[in-house]
Amino acid sequence: QLQLVESGGGLVQPGGSLRLSCAASGFNLGDYAIAWFRQAPGKDRERLLCISRDGRTYYADSPSSDSVNGRFTISRENARNTVYLQMNSLKPEDTAVYSCARSSQCVTLISYYDYWGQGTQVTVSA
């Protein structure tokens, strides 16, 4: 069964850090591009960082999400079939449900991503 499972979310104070994990099962994660998305209450889902099959990072490119560039990094560990999102210098506006998804390549259009995890909540608050 193809599955993506996120973990690592939680409550963190402003300025803190979290590392999210996206673990794949049922397929070889290294054969796909994997992106992290987030959706805050009342807002559209937005793509954050994406890592391609060859390990290249694609950064957030919308005005509402590009604030993560320079604070968030994406990496993959193919031996563990896992992609990570390291989030530093977290801000209250980073509060959202974070999800990972796979595609054949790193694109912005959400419809190109065919399998999604269930999401993990990140709350940044004092």
Protein backbone atom coordinates (compact mmCIF):
# COMPACT_ATOMS: atom_id res chain seq x y z
CA GLN A 1 0.00 0.00 0.00
CA LEU A 2 1.41 3.36 -1.04
CA GLN A 3 1.62 5.70 1.90
CA LEU A 4 3.26 8.88 3.11
CA VAL A 5 3.31 9.55 6.83
CA GLU A 6 4.37 12.84 8.38
CA SER A 7 5.63 13.24 11.91
CA GLY A 8 7.47 15.74 14.06
CA GLY A 9 4.89 18.47 14.42
CA GLY A 10 3.97 20.07 17.70
CA LEU A 11 3.92 23.25 19.72
CA VAL A 12 7.02 25.43 19.64
CA GLN A 13 7.83 28.94 20.80
CA PRO A 14 8.65 31.70 18.32
CA GLY A 15 12.26 31.45 17.28
CA GLY A 16 12.33 27.73 17.90
CA SER A 17 12.97 24.83 15.54
CA LEU A 18 11.26 21.65 14.47
CA ARG A 19 12.17 18.89 12.08
CA LEU A 20 9.37 17.21 10.21
CA SER A 21 9.70 13.77 8.67
CA CYS A 22 7.89 12.30 5.69
CA ALA A 23 8.25 8.54 5.60
CA ALA A 24 7.23 6.63 2.51
CA SER A 25 6.08 3.03 2.23
CA GLY A 26 5.00 0.97 -0.73
CA PHE A 27 7.26 2.79 -3.18
CA ASN A 28 10.82 3.99 -3.53
CA LEU A 29 10.85 7.59 -2.43
CA GLY A 30 14.05 8.22 -4.35
CA ASP A 31 12.19 7.75 -7.64
CA TYR A 32 10.04 10.84 -7.00
CA ALA A 33 10.14 14.50 -6.21
CA ILE A 34 8.79 15.19 -2.74
CA ALA A 35 7.37 18.52 -1.66
CA TRP A 36 6.22 19.97 1.61
CA PHE A 37 3.01 21.95 1.73
CA ARG A 38 1.18 23.77 4.46
CA GLN A 39 -2.33 24.98 5.01
CA ALA A 40 -3.29 27.48 7.66
CA PRO A 41 -6.90 27.90 8.79
CA GLY A 42 -8.90 29.82 6.24
CA LYS A 43 -6.07 29.89 3.73
CA ASP A 44 -5.18 27.96 0.60
CA ARG A 45 -2.69 25.15 0.69
CA GLU A 46 0.70 26.38 -0.48
CA ARG A 47 3.78 24.57 -1.65
CA LEU A 48 6.91 25.23 0.34
CA LEU A 49 10.14 23.44 -0.55
CA CYS A 50 10.51 20.53 -2.90
CA ILE A 51 13.39 18.13 -3.45
CA SER A 52 13.83 16.53 -6.84
CA ARG A 53 14.84 12.98 -7.62
CA ASP A 54 18.44 14.08 -8.05
CA GLY A 55 18.44 16.02 -4.78
CA ARG A 56 17.98 19.54 -6.07
CA THR A 57 16.02 21.91 -3.85
CA TYR A 58 13.21 23.99 -5.30
CA TYR A 59 12.21 26.89 -3.11
CA ALA A 60 8.87 28.41 -2.31
CA ASP A 61 7.97 30.90 -5.01
CA SER A 62 4.77 32.61 -3.96
CA PRO A 63 4.58 35.86 -1.97
CA SER A 64 2.72 34.10 0.82
CA SER A 65 5.23 31.29 1.23
CA ASP A 66 8.64 32.63 0.23
CA SER A 67 9.23 33.82 3.78
CA VAL A 68 10.31 30.25 4.57
CA ASN A 69 13.28 30.45 2.20
CA GLY A 70 16.43 30.79 4.25
CA ARG A 71 14.70 29.42 7.36
CA PHE A 72 13.52 26.03 6.13
CA THR A 73 15.61 23.36 4.45
CA ILE A 74 14.60 20.10 2.81
CA SER A 75 16.65 16.94 2.63
CA ARG A 76 16.17 13.31 1.82
CA GLU A 77 17.59 10.08 3.18
CA ASN A 78 16.85 7.45 0.59
CA ALA A 79 18.15 4.63 2.77
CA ARG A 80 15.36 5.42 5.23
CA ASN A 81 12.86 6.29 2.48
CA THR A 82 12.33 9.58 4.26
CA VAL A 83 12.33 13.29 3.44
CA TYR A 84 12.84 15.92 6.12
CA LEU A 85 11.85 19.54 6.55
CA GLN A 86 14.07 21.40 8.99
CA MET A 87 12.31 24.52 10.19
CA ASN A 88 14.28 27.19 12.04
CA SER A 89 13.43 30.63 13.38
CA LEU A 90 9.77 29.73 13.48
CA LYS A 91 7.18 32.49 13.55
CA PRO A 92 3.54 32.47 14.63
CA GLU A 93 2.54 32.85 10.98
CA ASP A 94 4.14 29.45 10.30
CA THR A 95 1.30 27.82 12.23
CA ALA A 96 -0.41 25.38 9.88
CA VAL A 97 -0.93 21.75 8.99
CA TYR A 98 2.14 20.54 7.11
CA SER A 99 1.86 17.77 4.54
CA CYS A 100 4.19 16.04 2.15
CA ALA A 101 3.31 14.80 -1.31
CA ARG A 102 4.99 13.15 -4.26
CA SER A 103 5.22 14.04 -7.92
CA SER A 104 7.35 13.16 -10.90
CA GLN A 105 9.00 16.59 -10.70
CA CYS A 106 9.01 19.68 -8.51
CA VAL A 107 6.17 21.83 -9.75
CA THR A 108 4.00 24.39 -8.03
CA LEU A 109 0.66 23.13 -9.30
CA ILE A 110 -0.90 21.04 -6.56
CA SER A 111 -2.78 18.78 -8.96
CA TYR A 112 0.52 17.28 -10.13
CA TYR A 113 1.03 15.63 -6.73
CA ASP A 114 -0.66 12.26 -6.60
CA TYR A 115 -0.09 10.89 -3.11
CA TRP A 116 -0.34 12.85 0.10
CA GLY A 117 0.29 12.27 3.74
CA GLN A 118 -2.33 13.01 6.37
CA GLY A 119 -0.49 16.07 7.68
CA THR A 120 1.03 17.11 10.99
CA GLN A 121 0.08 20.18 12.98
CA VAL A 122 2.69 22.82 13.70
CA THR A 123 1.77 25.54 16.17
CA VAL A 124 4.10 28.42 16.89
CA SER A 125 3.04 30.29 19.98
CA ALA A 126 4.44 31.75 23.17
